[in-house]
């Protein structure tokens, strides 16, 4: 994909008043189930390790889980390239 093909924010997203970005995606049932399972497992891991004095909302934790899964995937690719 060329730089000219990249759109930010992507058409499947909305920039909120506070600058946050909300995405809306659709996946086929098998892919959606795999993503939901991975996301759910990561959310639970984050919840179990959460600082009780600074709890995250479920929405914040879900976003955190998505970010961690993406970053872990990038780290795995970096390890394979080394």
Protein backbone atom coordinates (compact mmCIF):
# COMPACT_ATOMS: atom_id res chain seq x y z
CA UNK A 1 0.00 0.00 0.00
CA UNK A 2 1.39 3.37 -0.95
CA UNK A 3 1.37 6.40 1.32
CA UNK A 4 -1.24 8.02 -0.90
CA UNK A 5 -3.58 5.08 -0.28
CA UNK A 6 -3.40 5.46 3.48
CA UNK A 7 -6.25 7.45 4.94
CA UNK A 8 -6.31 8.77 8.45
CA UNK A 9 -8.64 8.43 10.06
CA UNK A 10 -9.78 5.40 8.08
CA UNK A 11 -13.31 5.49 6.65
CA UNK A 12 -14.43 2.91 9.22
CA UNK A 13 -13.70 5.25 12.11
CA UNK A 14 -14.97 8.35 13.82
CA UNK A 15 -12.96 11.06 15.56
CA UNK A 16 -14.74 11.97 18.78
CA UNK A 17 -14.92 15.46 20.29
CA UNK A 18 -12.17 14.59 22.78
CA UNK A 19 -9.83 13.41 20.02
CA UNK A 20 -10.38 9.71 20.71
CA UNK A 21 -10.93 7.52 17.65
CA UNK A 22 -13.72 4.94 17.50
CA UNK A 23 -13.47 2.15 14.91
CA UNK A 24 -16.23 0.08 13.38
CA UNK A 25 -15.16 -3.10 11.63
CA UNK A 26 -16.92 -6.19 10.35
CA UNK A 27 -15.32 -9.62 10.14
CA UNK A 28 -16.47 -12.95 8.81
CA UNK A 29 -17.74 -15.24 11.61
CA UNK A 30 -14.57 -17.35 11.92
CA UNK A 31 -12.21 -14.38 11.98
CA UNK A 32 -14.51 -12.48 14.33
CA UNK A 33 -14.60 -15.41 16.75
CA UNK A 34 -10.80 -15.70 16.73
CA UNK A 35 -10.35 -11.98 17.33
CA UNK A 36 -12.99 -11.96 20.08
CA UNK A 37 -11.33 -14.91 21.84
CA UNK A 38 -7.86 -13.33 21.76
CA UNK A 39 -9.18 -9.95 22.83
CA UNK A 40 -11.21 -11.48 25.66
CA UNK A 41 -8.22 -13.45 26.96
CA UNK A 42 -6.01 -10.34 26.90
CA UNK A 43 -8.72 -8.27 28.62
CA UNK A 44 -8.95 -10.83 31.41
CA UNK A 45 -5.15 -10.86 31.78
CA UNK A 46 -5.12 -7.06 32.08
CA UNK A 47 -8.01 -7.13 34.57
CA UNK A 48 -6.24 -9.70 36.77
CA UNK A 49 -3.06 -7.58 36.79
CA UNK A 50 -4.83 -4.25 37.19
CA UNK A 51 -3.85 -1.77 39.89
CA UNK A 52 -6.90 -1.66 42.20
CA UNK A 53 -6.22 1.99 42.98
CA UNK A 54 -6.49 2.91 39.27
CA UNK A 55 -9.14 0.66 37.73
CA UNK A 56 -9.84 0.91 34.01
CA UNK A 57 -13.33 0.90 32.54
CA UNK A 58 -14.22 -2.16 30.45
CA UNK A 59 -13.97 0.01 27.32
CA UNK A 60 -10.52 1.29 28.32
CA UNK A 61 -9.36 -2.22 29.13
CA UNK A 62 -10.64 -3.52 25.78
CA UNK A 63 -8.75 -0.77 23.95
CA UNK A 64 -5.63 -1.52 26.04
CA UNK A 65 -5.98 -5.21 25.14
CA UNK A 66 -6.18 -4.44 21.43
CA UNK A 67 -3.09 -2.24 21.61
CA UNK A 68 -1.13 -4.89 23.53
CA UNK A 69 -2.08 -7.61 21.05
CA UNK A 70 -0.96 -5.44 18.14
CA UNK A 71 2.31 -4.48 19.83
CA UNK A 72 3.02 -8.10 20.81
CA UNK A 73 2.46 -9.10 17.19
CA UNK A 74 4.91 -6.41 16.03
CA UNK A 75 7.49 -7.59 18.57
CA UNK A 76 7.08 -11.18 17.38
CA UNK A 77 7.69 -10.07 13.78
CA UNK A 78 10.80 -8.13 14.88
CA UNK A 79 12.10 -11.25 16.65
CA UNK A 80 11.59 -13.33 13.50
CA UNK A 81 13.44 -10.76 11.38
CA UNK A 82 16.47 -10.77 13.72
